[in-house]
PDB file of N, CA and C in Angstrom:
ATOM      1  N   MET A   1     -65.493  28.051  83.194  1.00  0.00           N
ATOM      2  CA  MET A   1     -64.926  29.328  83.514  1.00  0.00           C
ATOM      3  C   MET A   1     -65.699  30.019  84.633  1.00  0.00           C
ATOM      4  N   ALA A   2     -66.995  29.801  84.655  1.00  0.00           N
ATOM      5  CA  ALA A   2     -67.796  30.368  85.729  1.00  0.00           C
ATOM      6  C   ALA A   2     -67.399  29.758  87.061  1.00  0.00           C
ATOM      7  N   ARG A   3     -67.017  28.491  87.050  1.00  0.00           N
ATOM      8  CA  ARG A   3     -66.595  27.827  88.280  1.00  0.00           C
ATOM      9  C   ARG A   3     -65.342  28.491  88.849  1.00  0.00           C
ATOM     10  N   GLY A   4     -64.411  28.830  87.981  1.00  0.00           N
ATOM     11  CA  GLY A   4     -63.175  29.488  88.415  1.00  0.00           C
ATOM     12  C   GLY A   4     -63.444  30.850  89.021  1.00  0.00           C
ATOM     13  N   THR A   5     -64.392  31.557  88.502  1.00  0.00           N
ATOM     14  CA  THR A   5     -64.746  32.868  89.031  1.00  0.00           C
ATOM     15  C   THR A   5     -65.334  32.736  90.424  1.00  0.00           C
ATOM     16  N   GLN A   6     -66.170  31.740  90.622  1.00  0.00           N
ATOM     17  CA  GLN A   6     -66.774  31.504  91.933  1.00  0.00           C
ATOM     18  C   GLN A   6     -65.690  31.189  92.965  1.00  0.00           C
ATOM     19  N   ASP A   7     -64.700  30.385  92.611  1.00  0.00           N
ATOM     20  CA  ASP A   7     -63.614  30.053  93.541  1.00  0.00           C
ATOM     21  C   ASP A   7     -62.836  31.300  93.935  1.00  0.00           C
ATOM     22  N   ASN A   8     -62.581  32.180  92.995  1.00  0.00           N
ATOM     23  CA  ASN A   8     -61.854  33.406  93.286  1.00  0.00           C
ATOM     24  C   ASN A   8     -62.636  34.297  94.238  1.00  0.00           C
ATOM     25  N   GLU A   9     -63.950  34.375  94.047  1.00  0.00           N
ATOM     26  CA  GLU A   9     -64.762  35.198  94.933  1.00  0.00           C
ATOM     27  C   GLU A   9     -64.724  34.646  96.354  1.00  0.00           C
ATOM     28  N   ASP A  10     -64.792  33.333  96.497  1.00  0.00           N
ATOM     29  CA  ASP A  10     -64.716  32.734  97.827  1.00  0.00           C
ATOM     30  C   ASP A  10     -63.360  33.012  98.465  1.00  0.00           C
ATOM     31  N   GLU A  11     -62.312  32.895  97.690  1.00  0.00           N
ATOM     32  CA  GLU A  11     -60.975  33.161  98.229  1.00  0.00           C
ATOM     33  C   GLU A  11     -60.821  34.624  98.604  1.00  0.00           C
ATOM     34  N   ASP A  12     -61.356  35.519  97.784  1.00  0.00           N
ATOM     35  CA  ASP A  12     -61.274  36.945  98.098  1.00  0.00           C
ATOM     36  C   ASP A  12     -62.035  37.260  99.383  1.00  0.00           C
ATOM     37  N   GLU A  13     -63.207  36.645  99.542  1.00  0.00           N
ATOM     38  CA  GLU A  13     -63.997  36.881 100.743  1.00  0.00           C
ATOM     39  C   GLU A  13     -63.251  36.371 101.967  1.00  0.00           C
ATOM     40  N   LEU A  14     -62.678  35.204 101.861  1.00  0.00           N
ATOM     41  CA  LEU A  14     -61.909  34.638 102.957  1.00  0.00           C
ATOM     42  C   LEU A  14     -60.698  35.520 103.265  1.00  0.00           C
ATOM     43  N   THR A  15     -60.047  36.025 102.243  1.00  0.00           N
ATOM     44  CA  THR A  15     -58.912  36.914 102.429  1.00  0.00           C
ATOM     45  C   THR A  15     -59.340  38.174 103.162  1.00  0.00           C
ATOM     46  N   PHE A  16     -60.491  38.709 102.815  1.00  0.00           N
ATOM     47  CA  PHE A  16     -60.999  39.905 103.480  1.00  0.00           C
ATOM     48  C   PHE A  16     -61.246  39.634 104.962  1.00  0.00           C
ATOM     49  N   VAL A  17     -61.823  38.483 105.276  1.00  0.00           N
ATOM     50  CA  VAL A  17     -62.092  38.132 106.670  1.00  0.00           C
ATOM     51  C   VAL A  17     -60.781  37.976 107.425  1.00  0.00           C
ATOM     52  N   LYS A  18     -59.822  37.313 106.809  1.00  0.00           N
ATOM     53  CA  LYS A  18     -58.513  37.159 107.454  1.00  0.00           C
ATOM     54  C   LYS A  18     -57.857  38.517 107.663  1.00  0.00           C
ATOM     55  N   LEU A  19     -57.940  39.372 106.658  1.00  0.00           N
ATOM     56  CA  LEU A  19     -57.361  40.706 106.768  1.00  0.00           C
ATOM     57  C   LEU A  19     -58.012  41.492 107.901  1.00  0.00           C
ATOM     58  N   ALA A  20     -59.322  41.387 108.021  1.00  0.00           N
ATOM     59  CA  ALA A  20     -60.027  42.084 109.104  1.00  0.00           C
ATOM     60  C   ALA A  20     -59.587  41.552 110.467  1.00  0.00           C
ATOM     61  N   ALA A  21     -59.435  40.227 110.572  1.00  0.00           N
ATOM     62  CA  ALA A  21     -59.014  39.629 111.846  1.00  0.00           C
ATOM     63  C   ALA A  21     -57.596  40.045 112.199  1.00  0.00           C
ATOM     64  N   VAL A  22     -56.715  40.020 111.220  1.00  0.00           N
ATOM     65  CA  VAL A  22     -55.323  40.424 111.456  1.00  0.00           C
ATOM     66  C   VAL A  22     -55.270  41.894 111.846  1.00  0.00           C
ATOM     67  N   THR A  23     -56.031  42.721 111.164  1.00  0.00           N
ATOM     68  CA  THR A  23     -56.072  44.148 111.484  1.00  0.00           C
ATOM     69  C   THR A  23     -56.552  44.371 112.917  1.00  0.00           C
ATOM     70  N   ALA A  24     -57.584  43.659 113.314  1.00  0.00           N
ATOM     71  CA  ALA A  24     -58.096  43.787 114.677  1.00  0.00           C
ATOM     72  C   ALA A  24     -57.033  43.366 115.692  1.00  0.00           C
ATOM     73  N   ASN A  25     -56.313  42.280 115.401  1.00  0.00           N
ATOM     74  CA  ASN A  25     -55.253  41.832 116.302  1.00  0.00           C
ATOM     75  C   ASN A  25     -54.133  42.862 116.402  1.00  0.00           C
ATOM     76  N   VAL A  26     -53.762  43.442 115.279  1.00  0.00           N
ATOM     77  CA  VAL A  26     -52.701  44.452 115.288  1.00  0.00           C
ATOM     78  C   VAL A  26     -53.142  45.677 116.085  1.00  0.00           C
ATOM     79  N   VAL A  27     -54.369  46.105 115.901  1.00  0.00           N
ATOM     80  CA  VAL A  27     -54.878  47.266 116.643  1.00  0.00           C
ATOM     81  C   VAL A  27     -54.867  46.982 118.144  1.00  0.00           C
ATOM     82  N   ARG A  28     -55.317  45.792 118.548  1.00  0.00           N
ATOM     83  CA  ARG A  28     -55.278  45.429 119.971  1.00  0.00           C
ATOM     84  C   ARG A  28     -53.858  45.422 120.504  1.00  0.00           C
ATOM     85  N   TRP A  29     -52.946  44.863 119.724  1.00  0.00           N
ATOM     86  CA  TRP A  29     -51.541  44.796 120.144  1.00  0.00           C
ATOM     87  C   TRP A  29     -50.948  46.192 120.282  1.00  0.00           C
ATOM     88  N   LEU A  30     -51.235  47.070 119.312  1.00  0.00           N
ATOM     89  CA  LEU A  30     -50.723  48.442 119.377  1.00  0.00           C
ATOM     90  C   LEU A  30     -51.287  49.195 120.567  1.00  0.00           C
ATOM     91  N   MET A  31     -52.553  48.965 120.890  1.00  0.00           N
ATOM     92  CA  MET A  31     -53.146  49.616 122.058  1.00  0.00           C
ATOM     93  C   MET A  31     -52.456  49.142 123.332  1.00  0.00           C
ATOM     94  N   LYS A  32     -52.171  47.850 123.408  1.00  0.00           N
ATOM     95  CA  LYS A  32     -51.480  47.310 124.580  1.00  0.00           C
ATOM     96  C   LYS A  32     -50.076  47.897 124.692  1.00  0.00           C
ATOM     97  N   VAL A  33     -49.359  47.985 123.578  1.00  0.00           N
ATOM     98  CA  VAL A  33     -48.013  48.563 123.576  1.00  0.00           C
ATOM     99  C   VAL A  33     -48.067  50.022 124.010  1.00  0.00           C
ATOM    100  N   ASP A  34     -49.058  50.751 123.515  1.00  0.00           N
ATOM    101  CA  ASP A  34     -49.215  52.159 123.874  1.00  0.00           C
ATOM    102  C   ASP A  34     -49.462  52.313 125.372  1.00  0.00           C
ATOM    103  N   GLU A  35     -50.310  51.467 125.937  1.00  0.00           N
ATOM    104  CA  GLU A  35     -50.576  51.514 127.377  1.00  0.00           C
ATOM    105  C   GLU A  35     -49.311  51.210 128.173  1.00  0.00           C
ATOM    106  N   GLU A  36     -48.539  50.226 127.718  1.00  0.00           N
ATOM    107  CA  GLU A  36     -47.295  49.878 128.412  1.00  0.00           C
ATOM    108  C   GLU A  36     -46.304  51.033 128.360  1.00  0.00           C
ATOM    109  N   LYS A  37     -46.235  51.719 127.221  1.00  0.00           N
ATOM    110  CA  LYS A  37     -45.338  52.869 127.106  1.00  0.00           C
ATOM    111  C   LYS A  37     -45.766  53.980 128.049  1.00  0.00           C
ATOM    112  N   LYS A  38     -47.081  54.226 128.139  1.00  0.00           N
ATOM    113  CA  LYS A  38     -47.577  55.257 129.048  1.00  0.00           C
ATOM    114  C   LYS A  38     -47.234  54.922 130.497  1.00  0.00           C
ATOM    115  N   GLU A  39     -47.422  53.656 130.873  1.00  0.00           N
ATOM    116  CA  GLU A  39     -47.091  53.234 132.235  1.00  0.00           C
ATOM    117  C   GLU A  39     -45.599  53.390 132.501  1.00  0.00           C
ATOM    118  N   GLN A  40     -44.780  53.047 131.515  1.00  0.00           N
ATOM    119  CA  GLN A  40     -43.331  53.182 131.673  1.00  0.00           C
ATOM    120  C   GLN A  40     -42.947  54.651 131.842  1.00  0.00           C
ATOM    121  N   ARG A  41     -43.575  55.538 131.052  1.00  0.00           N
ATOM    122  CA  ARG A  41     -43.293  56.966 131.191  1.00  0.00           C
ATOM    123  C   ARG A  41     -43.679  57.475 132.567  1.00  0.00           C
ATOM    124  N   GLN A  42     -44.808  56.995 133.084  1.00  0.00           N
ATOM    125  CA  GLN A  42     -45.238  57.411 134.419  1.00  0.00           C
ATOM    126  C   GLN A  42     -44.250  56.937 135.469  1.00  0.00           C
ATOM    127  N   ARG A  43     -43.775  55.702 135.327  1.00  0.00           N
ATOM    128  CA  ARG A  43     -42.769  55.197 136.275  1.00  0.00           C
ATOM    129  C   ARG A  43     -41.484  55.995 136.170  1.00  0.00           C
ATOM    130  N   ASN A  44     -41.084  56.328 134.947  1.00  0.00           N
ATOM    131  CA  ASN A  44     -39.857  57.093 134.746  1.00  0.00           C
ATOM    132  C   ASN A  44     -40.000  58.509 135.272  1.00  0.00           C
ATOM    133  N   THR A  45     -41.170  59.090 135.134  1.00  0.00           N
ATOM    134  CA  THR A  45     -41.399  60.437 135.646  1.00  0.00           C
ATOM    135  C   THR A  45     -41.233  60.455 137.153  1.00  0.00           C
ATOM    136  N   GLY A  46     -41.759  59.466 137.821  1.00  0.00           N
ATOM    137  CA  GLY A  46     -41.607  59.375 139.270  1.00  0.00           C
ATOM    138  C   GLY A  46     -40.156  59.193 139.660  1.00  0.00           C
ATOM    139  N   SER A  47     -39.443  58.328 138.967  1.00  0.00           N
ATOM    140  CA  SER A  47     -38.041  58.110 139.298  1.00  0.00           C
ATOM    141  C   SER A  47     -37.198  59.294 138.846  1.00  0.00           C
ATOM    142  N   GLY A  48     -37.663  60.032 137.841  1.00  0.00           N
ATOM    143  CA  GLY A  48     -36.934  61.213 137.384  1.00  0.00           C
ATOM    144  C   GLY A  48     -36.876  62.273 138.466  1.00  0.00           C
ATOM    145  N   SER A  49     -37.978  62.459 139.186  1.00  0.00           N
ATOM    146  CA  SER A  49     -37.973  63.438 140.270  1.00  0.00           C
ATOM    147  C   SER A  49     -37.074  62.956 141.406  1.00  0.00           C
ATOM    148  N   GLU A  50     -37.031  61.651 141.613  1.00  0.00           N
ATOM    149  CA  GLU A  50     -36.137  61.086 142.631  1.00  0.00           C
ATOM    150  C   GLU A  50     -34.679  61.301 142.225  1.00  0.00           C
ATOM    151  N   GLU A  51     -34.375  61.101 140.954  1.00  0.00           N
ATOM    152  CA  GLU A  51     -33.014  61.333 140.468  1.00  0.00           C
ATOM    153  C   GLU A  51     -32.636  62.798 140.623  1.00  0.00           C
ATOM    154  N   LYS A  52     -33.570  63.694 140.328  1.00  0.00           N
ATOM    155  CA  LYS A  52     -33.302  65.129 140.454  1.00  0.00           C
ATOM    156  C   LYS A  52     -33.004  65.470 141.917  1.00  0.00           C
ATOM    157  N   LYS A  53     -33.769  64.899 142.828  1.00  0.00           N
ATOM    158  CA  LYS A  53     -33.551  65.145 144.249  1.00  0.00           C
ATOM    159  C   LYS A  53     -32.177  64.638 144.664  1.00  0.00           C
ATOM    160  N   GLN A  54     -31.807  63.439 144.211  1.00  0.00           N
ATOM    161  CA  GLN A  54     -30.499  62.882 144.543  1.00  0.00           C
ATOM    162  C   GLN A  54     -29.383  63.740 143.968  1.00  0.00           C
ATOM    163  N   THR A  55     -29.568  64.252 142.759  1.00  0.00           N
ATOM    164  CA  THR A  55     -28.564  65.109 142.139  1.00  0.00           C
ATOM    165  C   THR A  55     -28.392  66.394 142.939  1.00  0.00           C
ATOM    166  N   GLU A  56     -29.494  66.981 143.366  1.00  0.00           N
ATOM    167  CA  GLU A  56     -29.419  68.206 144.177  1.00  0.00           C
ATOM    168  C   GLU A  56     -28.708  67.929 145.502  1.00  0.00           C
ATOM    169  N   GLU A  57     -29.020  66.803 146.129  1.00  0.00           N
ATOM    170  CA  GLU A  57     -28.358  66.450 147.381  1.00  0.00           C
ATOM    171  C   GLU A  57     -26.870  66.251 147.158  1.00  0.00           C
ATOM    172  N   HIS A  58     -26.517  65.601 146.061  1.00  0.00           N
ATOM    173  CA  HIS A  58     -25.112  65.377 145.748  1.00  0.00           C
ATOM    174  C   HIS A  58     -24.398  66.711 145.515  1.00  0.00           C
ATOM    175  N   THR A  59     -25.048  67.614 144.783  1.00  0.00           N
ATOM    176  CA  THR A  59     -24.459  68.927 144.520  1.00  0.00           C
ATOM    177  C   THR A  59     -24.249  69.682 145.822  1.00  0.00           C
ATOM    178  N   ASP A  60     -25.238  69.641 146.711  1.00  0.00           N
ATOM    179  CA  ASP A  60     -25.091  70.301 148.014  1.00  0.00           C
ATOM    180  C   ASP A  60     -23.924  69.712 148.793  1.00  0.00           C
ATOM    181  N   TYR A  61     -23.794  68.401 148.770  1.00  0.00           N
ATOM    182  CA  TYR A  61     -22.703  67.732 149.477  1.00  0.00           C
ATOM    183  C   TYR A  61     -21.348  68.164 148.904  1.00  0.00           C
ATOM    184  N   VAL A  62     -21.244  68.194 147.584  1.00  0.00           N
ATOM    185  CA  VAL A  62     -19.982  68.590 146.951  1.00  0.00           C
ATOM    186  C   VAL A  62     -19.652  70.035 147.303  1.00  0.00           C
ATOM    187  N   ASP A  63     -20.655  70.922 147.245  1.00  0.00           N
ATOM    188  CA  ASP A  63     -20.423  72.325 147.609  1.00  0.00           C
ATOM    189  C   ASP A  63     -19.924  72.442 149.052  1.00  0.00           C
ATOM    190  N   GLN A  64     -20.545  71.714 149.967  1.00  0.00           N
ATOM    191  CA  GLN A  64     -20.132  71.748 151.368  1.00  0.00           C
ATOM    192  C   GLN A  64     -18.696  71.266 151.522  1.00  0.00           C
ATOM    193  N   ARG A  65     -18.365  70.166 150.851  1.00  0.00           N
ATOM    194  CA  ARG A  65     -17.001  69.633 150.950  1.00  0.00           C
ATOM    195  C   ARG A  65     -15.980  70.616 150.367  1.00  0.00           C
ATOM    196  N   LEU A  66     -16.323  71.319 149.300  1.00  0.00           N
ATOM    197  CA  LEU A  66     -15.411  72.311 148.724  1.00  0.00           C
ATOM    198  C   LEU A  66     -15.196  73.474 149.684  1.00  0.00           C
ATOM    199  N   ARG A  67     -16.273  73.906 150.363  1.00  0.00           N
ATOM    200  CA  ARG A  67     -16.126  74.976 151.363  1.00  0.00           C
ATOM    201  C   ARG A  67     -15.224  74.523 152.511  1.00  0.00           C
ATOM    202  N   GLU A  68     -15.409  73.279 152.954  1.00  0.00           N
ATOM    203  CA  GLU A  68     -14.572  72.743 154.027  1.00  0.00           C
ATOM    204  C   GLU A  68     -13.113  72.657 153.597  1.00  0.00           C
ATOM    205  N   LEU A  69     -12.875  72.233 152.363  1.00  0.00           N
ATOM    206  CA  LEU A  69     -11.512  72.143 151.850  1.00  0.00           C
ATOM    207  C   LEU A  69     -10.874  73.521 151.763  1.00  0.00           C
ATOM    208  N   ALA A  70     -11.622  74.511 151.287  1.00  0.00           N
ATOM    209  CA  ALA A  70     -11.103  75.884 151.195  1.00  0.00           C
ATOM    210  C   ALA A  70     -10.764  76.406 152.592  1.00  0.00           C
ATOM    211  N   ALA A  71     -11.633  76.127 153.568  1.00  0.00           N
ATOM    212  CA  ALA A  71     -11.371  76.561 154.947  1.00  0.00           C
ATOM    213  C   ALA A  71     -10.120  75.866 155.489  1.00  0.00           C
ATOM    214  N   PHE A  72      -9.960  74.596 155.206  1.00  0.00           N
ATOM    215  CA  PHE A  72      -8.775  73.859 155.650  1.00  0.00           C
ATOM    216  C   PHE A  72      -7.512  74.460 155.033  1.00  0.00           C
ATOM    217  N   GLU A  73      -7.549  74.773 153.744  1.00  0.00           N
ATOM    218  CA  GLU A  73      -6.376  75.352 153.089  1.00  0.00           C
ATOM    219  C   GLU A  73      -6.040  76.725 153.665  1.00  0.00           C
ATOM    220  N   ARG A  74      -7.078  77.514 153.980  1.00  0.00           N
ATOM    221  CA  ARG A  74      -6.817  78.826 154.596  1.00  0.00           C
ATOM    222  C   ARG A  74      -6.157  78.651 155.955  1.00  0.00           C
ATOM    223  N   ARG A  75      -6.673  77.698 156.734  1.00  0.00           N
ATOM    224  CA  ARG A  75      -6.058  77.456 158.050  1.00  0.00           C
ATOM    225  C   ARG A  75      -4.621  76.970 157.895  1.00  0.00           C
ATOM    226  N   ALA A  76      -4.379  76.136 156.910  1.00  0.00           N
ATOM    227  CA  ALA A  76      -3.032  75.604 156.698  1.00  0.00           C
ATOM    228  C   ALA A  76      -2.057  76.710 156.307  1.00  0.00           C
ATOM    229  N   ARG A  77      -2.529  77.718 155.589  1.00  0.00           N
ATOM    230  CA  ARG A  77      -1.675  78.850 155.207  1.00  0.00           C
ATOM    231  C   ARG A  77      -1.564  79.862 156.338  1.00  0.00           C
ATOM    232  N   GLY A  78      -2.330  79.696 157.372  1.00  0.00           N
ATOM    233  CA  GLY A  78      -2.286  80.614 158.498  1.00  0.00           C
ATOM    234  C   GLY A  78      -3.221  81.793 158.350  1.00  0.00           C
ATOM    235  N   VAL A  79      -4.106  81.770 157.393  1.00  0.00           N
ATOM    236  CA  VAL A  79      -5.078  82.832 157.196  1.00  0.00           C
ATOM    237  C   VAL A  79      -6.259  82.548 158.089  1.00  0.00           C
ATOM    238  N   LYS A  80      -6.659  83.527 158.925  1.00  0.00           N
ATOM    239  CA  LYS A  80      -7.712  83.290 159.910  1.00  0.00           C
ATOM    240  C   LYS A  80      -9.123  83.484 159.377  1.00  0.00           C
ATOM    241  N   ASP A  81      -9.329  84.364 158.422  1.00  0.00           N
ATOM    242  CA  ASP A  81     -10.672  84.546 157.862  1.00  0.00           C
ATOM    243  C   ASP A  81     -10.580  84.747 156.343  1.00  0.00           C
ATOM    244  N   ARG A  82     -11.705  84.940 155.724  1.00  0.00           N
ATOM    245  CA  ARG A  82     -11.739  85.016 154.260  1.00  0.00           C
ATOM    246  C   ARG A  82     -11.128  86.300 153.695  1.00  0.00           C
ATOM    247  N   THR A  83     -10.977  87.324 154.508  1.00  0.00           N
ATOM    248  CA  THR A  83     -10.417  88.583 154.019  1.00  0.00           C
ATOM    249  C   THR A  83      -8.912  88.502 153.902  1.00  0.00           C
ATOM    250  N   GLY A  84      -8.318  87.443 154.409  1.00  0.00           N
ATOM    251  CA  GLY A  84      -6.882  87.286 154.287  1.00  0.00           C
ATOM    252  C   GLY A  84      -6.102  87.852 155.472  1.00  0.00           C
ATOM    253  N   ARG A  85      -6.785  88.212 156.526  1.00  0.00           N
ATOM    254  CA  ARG A  85      -6.115  88.792 157.710  1.00  0.00           C
ATOM    255  C   ARG A  85      -5.728  87.734 158.698  1.00  0.00           C
TER     256      ARG A  85
END
C-alpha cells in the first residue's frame, strides 16, 4: 500500500509540472494575442481617420452637386437668382 501512495505522489508532482508548463504556454499565447489586438487597433485607428476624411470629402462633393443641381433647376425654370426674381 505504501508503494501505491508513492506512485500517486509522483504522478501528482508530474501533473503539477505539466500544469505549470501549460499555464506558462497559455499566458505567453494570451500575451501574443493581446499584442496582435493592440496592433490591429492601431492600424484601424489610422485607417479610421482616413475613412473619416474620405467621408467628409464625399459629403462635400454631394453638397456641391446638390447646389449645382438646384442652380440648374432654377435656370431651367427661368429664375435668375435665389430670391426668385
